[in-house]
Amino acid sequence: MENMDDWFITQNSNEHRQNALGWRRCNSDASQNRFAKQTGVRWSELLRLPYFDPIMFTIVDPMHCLFLGIAR
């Protein structure tokens, strides 16, 4: 079995928050879509909560991901 560190990349919560703020500053839908495609991040109102950490508090549902074809 592969080492988890070989395929799982831990994301940085501060970088995620900064990218979300960057998405929010985009001035058109097209620029927001380009930004999201580049960074994989969009703004969420939950990010206004100072205690909310989207990286630590998000649960990945494996069966849902398999159904959508995101994970194989």
C-alpha atoms as a PDB file:
ATOM      1  CA  MET A   1       0.000   0.000   0.000  1.00  0.00           C
ATOM      2  CA  GLU A   2       1.224   3.494  -0.818  1.00  0.00           C
ATOM      3  CA  ASN A   3       2.239   5.864   1.920  1.00  0.00           C
ATOM      4  CA  MET A   4      -0.540   8.423   2.493  1.00  0.00           C
ATOM      5  CA  ASP A   5       2.007  11.239   2.147  1.00  0.00           C
ATOM      6  CA  ASP A   6       2.664  10.164  -1.446  1.00  0.00           C
ATOM      7  CA  TRP A   7      -0.812  11.044  -2.726  1.00  0.00           C
ATOM      8  CA  PHE A   8      -2.469  13.233  -0.105  1.00  0.00           C
ATOM      9  CA  ILE A   9      -1.444  16.885  -0.086  1.00  0.00           C
ATOM     10  CA  THR A  10      -2.386  18.800   3.042  1.00  0.00           C
ATOM     11  CA  GLN A  11      -3.845  22.197   2.224  1.00  0.00           C
ATOM     12  CA  ASN A  12      -3.040  25.378   4.121  1.00  0.00           C
ATOM     13  CA  SER A  13      -6.062  27.047   5.758  1.00  0.00           C
ATOM     14  CA  ASN A  14      -4.557  30.538   5.522  1.00  0.00           C
ATOM     15  CA  GLU A  15      -3.782  30.100   1.828  1.00  0.00           C
ATOM     16  CA  HIS A  16      -7.318  28.797   1.247  1.00  0.00           C
ATOM     17  CA  ARG A  17      -8.811  31.844   2.994  1.00  0.00           C
ATOM     18  CA  GLN A  18      -6.607  34.222   0.967  1.00  0.00           C
ATOM     19  CA  ASN A  19      -7.608  32.505  -2.282  1.00  0.00           C
ATOM     20  CA  ALA A  20     -11.281  32.754  -1.285  1.00  0.00           C
ATOM     21  CA  LEU A  21     -10.857  36.477  -0.665  1.00  0.00           C
ATOM     22  CA  GLY A  22      -9.168  36.754  -4.078  1.00  0.00           C
ATOM     23  CA  TRP A  23     -12.155  35.029  -5.680  1.00  0.00           C
ATOM     24  CA  ARG A  24     -14.474  37.472  -3.922  1.00  0.00           C
ATOM     25  CA  ARG A  25     -12.516  40.447  -5.286  1.00  0.00           C
ATOM     26  CA  CYS A  26     -12.983  39.300  -8.897  1.00  0.00           C
ATOM     27  CA  ASN A  27     -15.225  41.766 -10.738  1.00  0.00           C
ATOM     28  CA  SER A  28     -17.063  39.423 -13.122  1.00  0.00           C
ATOM     29  CA  ASP A  29     -18.453  35.908 -13.296  1.00  0.00           C
ATOM     30  CA  ALA A  30     -15.923  35.006 -15.983  1.00  0.00           C
ATOM     31  CA  SER A  31     -12.975  36.146 -13.864  1.00  0.00           C
ATOM     32  CA  GLN A  32     -14.382  34.299 -10.839  1.00  0.00           C
ATOM     33  CA  ASN A  33     -14.667  31.121 -12.914  1.00  0.00           C
ATOM     34  CA  ARG A  34     -11.075  31.474 -14.153  1.00  0.00           C
ATOM     35  CA  PHE A  35      -9.847  32.134 -10.621  1.00  0.00           C
ATOM     36  CA  ALA A  36     -11.742  29.117  -9.238  1.00  0.00           C
ATOM     37  CA  LYS A  37     -10.390  26.891 -12.000  1.00  0.00           C
ATOM     38  CA  GLN A  38      -6.848  28.050 -11.250  1.00  0.00           C
ATOM     39  CA  THR A  39      -6.997  27.804  -7.436  1.00  0.00           C
ATOM     40  CA  GLY A  40      -9.878  25.381  -6.801  1.00  0.00           C
ATOM     41  CA  VAL A  41     -11.322  27.843  -4.271  1.00  0.00           C
ATOM     42  CA  ARG A  42     -14.514  29.896  -4.104  1.00  0.00           C
ATOM     43  CA  TRP A  43     -15.846  32.196  -1.405  1.00  0.00           C
ATOM     44  CA  SER A  44     -18.181  30.865   1.261  1.00  0.00           C
ATOM     45  CA  GLU A  45     -20.020  32.945   3.850  1.00  0.00           C
ATOM     46  CA  LEU A  46     -18.776  30.447   6.428  1.00  0.00           C
ATOM     47  CA  LEU A  47     -15.334  32.027   5.995  1.00  0.00           C
ATOM     48  CA  ARG A  48     -16.641  35.097   7.836  1.00  0.00           C
ATOM     49  CA  LEU A  49     -16.613  33.013  11.019  1.00  0.00           C
ATOM     50  CA  PRO A  50     -13.174  33.482  12.614  1.00  0.00           C
ATOM     51  CA  TYR A  51     -13.240  29.984  14.135  1.00  0.00           C
ATOM     52  CA  PHE A  52     -14.235  28.162  10.927  1.00  0.00           C
ATOM     53  CA  ASP A  53     -11.379  26.213   9.348  1.00  0.00           C
ATOM     54  CA  PRO A  54     -12.603  24.833   6.001  1.00  0.00           C
ATOM     55  CA  ILE A  55      -9.681  22.442   5.689  1.00  0.00           C
ATOM     56  CA  MET A  56     -10.122  20.839   9.112  1.00  0.00           C
ATOM     57  CA  PHE A  57     -13.948  20.974   9.291  1.00  0.00           C
ATOM     58  CA  THR A  58     -14.868  19.560   5.887  1.00  0.00           C
ATOM     59  CA  ILE A  59     -15.836  15.901   5.662  1.00  0.00           C
ATOM     60  CA  VAL A  60     -15.285  14.070   2.396  1.00  0.00           C
ATOM     61  CA  ASP A  61     -18.027  11.591   1.628  1.00  0.00           C
ATOM     62  CA  PRO A  62     -16.275   8.745  -0.238  1.00  0.00           C
ATOM     63  CA  MET A  63     -19.442   7.140  -1.596  1.00  0.00           C
ATOM     64  CA  HIS A  64     -20.702  10.462  -2.958  1.00  0.00           C
ATOM     65  CA  CYS A  65     -17.316  11.068  -4.604  1.00  0.00           C
ATOM     66  CA  LEU A  66     -17.376   7.582  -6.128  1.00  0.00           C
ATOM     67  CA  PHE A  67     -20.921   8.133  -7.413  1.00  0.00           C
ATOM     68  CA  LEU A  68     -19.901  11.415  -9.063  1.00  0.00           C
ATOM     69  CA  GLY A  69     -16.761   9.847 -10.502  1.00  0.00           C
ATOM     70  CA  ILE A  70     -14.467  12.270  -8.654  1.00  0.00           C
ATOM     71  CA  ALA A  71     -12.603   9.453  -6.909  1.00  0.00           C
ATOM     72  CA  ARG A  72     -11.783   6.094  -8.401  1.00  0.00           C
END
